[in-house]
Amino acid sequence: MIEAYTPAGKPIIHFLSALTEKQENISYEYEGIQRIDYKYREAINNTRQFNGKAYDTKAFGGGIVFPSESFIDKFKEWLNKENSQ
C-alpha cells in the first residue's frame, strides 16, 4: 500500500488505495475529471481520521501522507472492515 516516502521519511499512499469498494462503484456515475475529483475527495475524507493529509508534488501527485506507518496500519484495518460489510 505504501507507494513512497517524503524527504522527511513520512509514508505516502496513492489516493486510489484509500477508497472503499462502495466508493469505487459509485464513482462510475461520474464522467471524466468529475470521477477523479470524486475519488480524490472521498480518499482524503477517508484518511482524515487517521491523520492523512493531501500530498501533491511534481514527483508524486495525488498522494496522501501519514505521520507514520502505524497510522497506515490503522487505516488499512478500517478499510478492510468497511469492505467486508
C-alpha atoms as a PDB file:
ATOM      1  CA  MET A   1       0.000   0.000   0.000  1.00  0.00           C
ATOM      2  CA  ILE A   2       2.875   2.414   0.718  1.00  0.00           C
ATOM      3  CA  GLU A   3       3.984   3.975  -2.555  1.00  0.00           C
ATOM      4  CA  ALA A   4       6.805   6.254  -1.438  1.00  0.00           C
ATOM      5  CA  TYR A   5       8.235   8.320   1.412  1.00  0.00           C
ATOM      6  CA  THR A   6       8.600  12.068   1.811  1.00  0.00           C
ATOM      7  CA  PRO A   7      12.094  13.518   2.249  1.00  0.00           C
ATOM      8  CA  ALA A   8      11.288  13.590   5.996  1.00  0.00           C
ATOM      9  CA  GLY A   9      10.540   9.845   5.923  1.00  0.00           C
ATOM     10  CA  LYS A  10       6.741  10.002   6.178  1.00  0.00           C
ATOM     11  CA  PRO A  11       4.876   7.297   4.228  1.00  0.00           C
ATOM     12  CA  ILE A  12       2.708   8.190   1.225  1.00  0.00           C
ATOM     13  CA  ILE A  13      -0.051   6.155  -0.407  1.00  0.00           C
ATOM     14  CA  HIS A  14      -1.750   6.845  -3.719  1.00  0.00           C
ATOM     15  CA  PHE A  15      -5.275   8.192  -3.281  1.00  0.00           C
ATOM     16  CA  LEU A  16      -6.809   5.298  -5.228  1.00  0.00           C
ATOM     17  CA  SER A  17      -5.609   2.954  -2.462  1.00  0.00           C
ATOM     18  CA  ALA A  18      -7.784   4.840   0.035  1.00  0.00           C
ATOM     19  CA  LEU A  19     -11.205   4.135  -1.473  1.00  0.00           C
ATOM     20  CA  THR A  20     -13.744   1.603  -0.277  1.00  0.00           C
ATOM     21  CA  GLU A  21     -15.250  -0.772  -2.818  1.00  0.00           C
ATOM     22  CA  LYS A  22     -18.580   1.034  -2.484  1.00  0.00           C
ATOM     23  CA  GLN A  23     -16.954   4.390  -3.297  1.00  0.00           C
ATOM     24  CA  GLU A  24     -15.182   2.841  -6.266  1.00  0.00           C
ATOM     25  CA  ASN A  25     -18.506   1.577  -7.625  1.00  0.00           C
ATOM     26  CA  ILE A  26     -20.326   4.878  -7.051  1.00  0.00           C
ATOM     27  CA  SER A  27     -17.605   6.745  -8.921  1.00  0.00           C
ATOM     28  CA  TYR A  28     -18.800   5.230 -12.220  1.00  0.00           C
ATOM     29  CA  GLU A  29     -21.796   7.540 -12.057  1.00  0.00           C
ATOM     30  CA  TYR A  30     -19.418  10.413 -12.865  1.00  0.00           C
ATOM     31  CA  GLU A  31     -17.669  11.233 -16.142  1.00  0.00           C
ATOM     32  CA  GLY A  32     -14.042  12.202 -16.813  1.00  0.00           C
ATOM     33  CA  ILE A  33     -12.440  14.676 -14.447  1.00  0.00           C
ATOM     34  CA  GLN A  34     -15.501  14.621 -12.177  1.00  0.00           C
ATOM     35  CA  ARG A  35     -14.812  10.940 -11.490  1.00  0.00           C
ATOM     36  CA  ILE A  36     -11.221  11.660 -10.494  1.00  0.00           C
ATOM     37  CA  ASP A  37     -12.289  14.617  -8.355  1.00  0.00           C
ATOM     38  CA  TYR A  38     -14.905  12.488  -6.563  1.00  0.00           C
ATOM     39  CA  LYS A  39     -12.377   9.731  -5.863  1.00  0.00           C
ATOM     40  CA  TYR A  40      -9.761  12.183  -4.589  1.00  0.00           C
ATOM     41  CA  ARG A  41     -12.213  13.964  -2.242  1.00  0.00           C
ATOM     42  CA  GLU A  42     -13.512  10.660  -0.875  1.00  0.00           C
ATOM     43  CA  ALA A  43      -9.985   9.333  -0.332  1.00  0.00           C
ATOM     44  CA  ILE A  44      -8.988  12.462   1.607  1.00  0.00           C
ATOM     45  CA  ASN A  45     -12.164  12.229   3.705  1.00  0.00           C
ATOM     46  CA  ASN A  46     -11.477   8.549   4.468  1.00  0.00           C
ATOM     47  CA  THR A  47      -7.958   9.214   5.702  1.00  0.00           C
ATOM     48  CA  ARG A  48      -8.532  12.355   7.757  1.00  0.00           C
ATOM     49  CA  GLN A  49      -9.482  10.404  10.886  1.00  0.00           C
ATOM     50  CA  PHE A  50      -6.081   8.693  10.625  1.00  0.00           C
ATOM     51  CA  ASN A  51      -4.198  11.997  10.219  1.00  0.00           C
ATOM     52  CA  GLY A  52      -3.860  11.541   6.453  1.00  0.00           C
ATOM     53  CA  LYS A  53      -3.264  14.739   4.504  1.00  0.00           C
ATOM     54  CA  ALA A  54      -3.166  15.570   0.808  1.00  0.00           C
ATOM     55  CA  TYR A  55       0.348  15.357  -0.602  1.00  0.00           C
ATOM     56  CA  ASP A  56       0.945  16.799  -4.033  1.00  0.00           C
ATOM     57  CA  THR A  57       4.351  17.416  -5.540  1.00  0.00           C
ATOM     58  CA  LYS A  58       5.724  17.221  -9.057  1.00  0.00           C
ATOM     59  CA  ALA A  59       7.440  13.966  -8.132  1.00  0.00           C
ATOM     60  CA  PHE A  60       4.321  12.357  -6.668  1.00  0.00           C
ATOM     61  CA  GLY A  61       0.888  13.715  -7.498  1.00  0.00           C
ATOM     62  CA  GLY A  62      -2.332  12.502  -5.938  1.00  0.00           C
ATOM     63  CA  GLY A  63      -0.875  11.140  -2.756  1.00  0.00           C
ATOM     64  CA  ILE A  64      -1.906  11.055   0.882  1.00  0.00           C
ATOM     65  CA  VAL A  65       0.783  11.399   3.516  1.00  0.00           C
ATOM     66  CA  PHE A  66       0.576   9.946   7.033  1.00  0.00           C
ATOM     67  CA  PRO A  67       2.647  10.797  10.129  1.00  0.00           C
ATOM     68  CA  SER A  68       3.957   7.207  10.388  1.00  0.00           C
ATOM     69  CA  GLU A  69       3.367   3.667   9.167  1.00  0.00           C
ATOM     70  CA  SER A  70       1.314   2.853  12.280  1.00  0.00           C
ATOM     71  CA  PHE A  71      -1.375   5.273  11.060  1.00  0.00           C
ATOM     72  CA  ILE A  72      -1.461   3.438   7.722  1.00  0.00           C
ATOM     73  CA  ASP A  73      -1.858   0.133   9.556  1.00  0.00           C
ATOM     74  CA  LYS A  74      -4.869   1.524  11.440  1.00  0.00           C
ATOM     75  CA  PHE A  75      -6.292   2.891   8.192  1.00  0.00           C
ATOM     76  CA  LYS A  76      -5.874  -0.494   6.453  1.00  0.00           C
ATOM     77  CA  GLU A  77      -7.771  -2.196   9.288  1.00  0.00           C
ATOM     78  CA  TRP A  78     -10.606   0.313   8.902  1.00  0.00           C
ATOM     79  CA  LEU A  79     -10.647  -0.069   5.112  1.00  0.00           C
ATOM     80  CA  ASN A  80     -10.788  -3.870   5.342  1.00  0.00           C
ATOM     81  CA  LYS A  81     -13.669  -3.613   7.817  1.00  0.00           C
ATOM     82  CA  GLU A  82     -15.552  -1.227   5.506  1.00  0.00           C
ATOM     83  CA  ASN A  83     -15.055  -3.510   2.513  1.00  0.00           C
ATOM     84  CA  SER A  84     -16.258  -6.582   4.397  1.00  0.00           C
ATOM     85  CA  GLN A  85     -19.622  -5.021   5.280  1.00  0.00           C
END
